[in-house]
Amino acid sequence: MVNEKTWKDFRDSGLLWFINQTLHLFGWALVAEIEEDEIKRVYPARVKFRGFDEDTNSNGYVKLSEYLKNNIDDLHKESKE
């Protein structure tokens, strides 16, 4: 099964933040260029910074938890297929 989603969906779920946390360990990030709350372009980049500030992390954990809460039944079902 493949169900195409938008970069906005990916970002709103908290997954972009989560993936970037891991990528920061290696000095990489996925950069999203946003104009008027719309993602125009996404690209990988080398970065010097590591991690996010406390507010960004708190917001990311909330978004990711909400995504999991709303999708856990489907995720569990798909893992068994």
C-alpha atoms as a PDB file:
ATOM      1  CA  MET A   1       0.000   0.000   0.000  1.00  0.00           C
ATOM      2  CA  VAL A   2       1.206   3.487  -0.860  1.00  0.00           C
ATOM      3  CA  ASN A   3      -0.847   6.494   0.173  1.00  0.00           C
ATOM      4  CA  GLU A   4       0.835   9.715  -0.935  1.00  0.00           C
ATOM      5  CA  LYS A   5       0.836  12.511   1.635  1.00  0.00           C
ATOM      6  CA  THR A   6       1.953  16.121   1.498  1.00  0.00           C
ATOM      7  CA  TRP A   7       4.984  17.626   3.187  1.00  0.00           C
ATOM      8  CA  LYS A   8       2.491  19.637   5.263  1.00  0.00           C
ATOM      9  CA  ASP A   9       0.935  16.380   6.508  1.00  0.00           C
ATOM     10  CA  PHE A  10       4.419  15.095   7.375  1.00  0.00           C
ATOM     11  CA  ARG A  11       5.350  18.290   9.191  1.00  0.00           C
ATOM     12  CA  ASP A  12       2.010  18.603  11.015  1.00  0.00           C
ATOM     13  CA  SER A  13       2.312  15.028  12.307  1.00  0.00           C
ATOM     14  CA  GLY A  14       5.562  15.874  14.104  1.00  0.00           C
ATOM     15  CA  LEU A  15       7.506  13.420  11.960  1.00  0.00           C
ATOM     16  CA  LEU A  16       9.673  16.078  10.277  1.00  0.00           C
ATOM     17  CA  TRP A  17      10.789  17.294  13.710  1.00  0.00           C
ATOM     18  CA  PHE A  18      11.364  13.715  14.901  1.00  0.00           C
ATOM     19  CA  ILE A  19      13.430  12.731  11.862  1.00  0.00           C
ATOM     20  CA  ASN A  20      15.453  15.941  12.090  1.00  0.00           C
ATOM     21  CA  GLN A  21      16.324  15.145  15.711  1.00  0.00           C
ATOM     22  CA  THR A  22      18.021  11.984  14.487  1.00  0.00           C
ATOM     23  CA  LEU A  23      19.604  13.655  11.461  1.00  0.00           C
ATOM     24  CA  HIS A  24      21.109  16.375  13.706  1.00  0.00           C
ATOM     25  CA  LEU A  25      23.248  13.691  15.336  1.00  0.00           C
ATOM     26  CA  PHE A  26      25.049  13.326  12.000  1.00  0.00           C
ATOM     27  CA  GLY A  27      25.093  17.046  11.146  1.00  0.00           C
ATOM     28  CA  TRP A  28      22.213  16.792   8.669  1.00  0.00           C
ATOM     29  CA  ALA A  29      18.641  18.096   8.472  1.00  0.00           C
ATOM     30  CA  LEU A  30      15.687  18.186   6.138  1.00  0.00           C
ATOM     31  CA  VAL A  31      15.052  21.871   5.489  1.00  0.00           C
ATOM     32  CA  ALA A  32      11.515  22.987   4.638  1.00  0.00           C
ATOM     33  CA  GLU A  33      11.098  26.333   2.897  1.00  0.00           C
ATOM     34  CA  ILE A  34       7.722  27.729   3.951  1.00  0.00           C
ATOM     35  CA  GLU A  35       5.779  30.603   2.408  1.00  0.00           C
ATOM     36  CA  GLU A  36       2.396  31.655   3.781  1.00  0.00           C
ATOM     37  CA  ASP A  37       2.134  28.425   5.843  1.00  0.00           C
ATOM     38  CA  GLU A  38       2.702  26.302   2.710  1.00  0.00           C
ATOM     39  CA  ILE A  39       5.781  24.149   2.223  1.00  0.00           C
ATOM     40  CA  LYS A  40       7.316  25.113  -1.107  1.00  0.00           C
ATOM     41  CA  ARG A  41      10.471  23.015  -1.086  1.00  0.00           C
ATOM     42  CA  VAL A  42      12.223  20.394   1.060  1.00  0.00           C
ATOM     43  CA  TYR A  43      15.858  19.433   0.743  1.00  0.00           C
ATOM     44  CA  PRO A  44      18.610  17.734   2.778  1.00  0.00           C
ATOM     45  CA  ALA A  45      21.360  19.964   4.149  1.00  0.00           C
ATOM     46  CA  ARG A  46      24.512  19.761   6.240  1.00  0.00           C
ATOM     47  CA  VAL A  47      24.085  21.782   9.433  1.00  0.00           C
ATOM     48  CA  LYS A  48      26.298  22.833  12.339  1.00  0.00           C
ATOM     49  CA  PHE A  49      23.596  22.936  15.005  1.00  0.00           C
ATOM     50  CA  ARG A  50      22.502  19.934  17.054  1.00  0.00           C
ATOM     51  CA  GLY A  51      19.001  19.642  18.457  1.00  0.00           C
ATOM     52  CA  PHE A  52      16.155  22.072  19.018  1.00  0.00           C
ATOM     53  CA  ASP A  53      15.138  24.508  21.729  1.00  0.00           C
ATOM     54  CA  GLU A  54      12.795  23.411  24.532  1.00  0.00           C
ATOM     55  CA  ASP A  55       9.637  24.962  23.022  1.00  0.00           C
ATOM     56  CA  THR A  56      10.230  23.293  19.644  1.00  0.00           C
ATOM     57  CA  ASN A  57      10.836  19.934  21.330  1.00  0.00           C
ATOM     58  CA  SER A  58       7.726  20.259  23.510  1.00  0.00           C
ATOM     59  CA  ASN A  59       5.613  21.128  20.468  1.00  0.00           C
ATOM     60  CA  GLY A  60       7.131  18.232  18.518  1.00  0.00           C
ATOM     61  CA  TYR A  61       6.344  15.717  21.262  1.00  0.00           C
ATOM     62  CA  VAL A  62       2.742  16.964  21.442  1.00  0.00           C
ATOM     63  CA  LYS A  63       2.273  16.703  17.652  1.00  0.00           C
ATOM     64  CA  LEU A  64       3.859  13.264  17.463  1.00  0.00           C
ATOM     65  CA  SER A  65       1.820  11.985  20.434  1.00  0.00           C
ATOM     66  CA  GLU A  66      -1.383  13.268  18.825  1.00  0.00           C
ATOM     67  CA  TYR A  67      -0.449  11.572  15.551  1.00  0.00           C
ATOM     68  CA  LEU A  68       0.155   8.275  17.335  1.00  0.00           C
ATOM     69  CA  LYS A  69      -3.055   8.615  19.354  1.00  0.00           C
ATOM     70  CA  ASN A  70      -5.087   9.202  16.184  1.00  0.00           C
ATOM     71  CA  ASN A  71      -3.398   6.509  14.073  1.00  0.00           C
ATOM     72  CA  ILE A  72      -2.375   3.740  16.445  1.00  0.00           C
ATOM     73  CA  ASP A  73      -5.110   1.300  15.397  1.00  0.00           C
ATOM     74  CA  ASP A  74      -4.183   1.588  11.712  1.00  0.00           C
ATOM     75  CA  LEU A  75      -0.447   1.360  12.474  1.00  0.00           C
ATOM     76  CA  HIS A  76      -0.991  -1.771  14.556  1.00  0.00           C
ATOM     77  CA  LYS A  77      -3.220  -3.364  11.908  1.00  0.00           C
ATOM     78  CA  GLU A  78      -0.776  -2.554   9.078  1.00  0.00           C
ATOM     79  CA  SER A  79       2.148  -4.009  11.038  1.00  0.00           C
ATOM     80  CA  LYS A  80       0.390  -7.379  11.077  1.00  0.00           C
ATOM     81  CA  GLU A  81      -0.439  -7.460   7.357  1.00  0.00           C
END
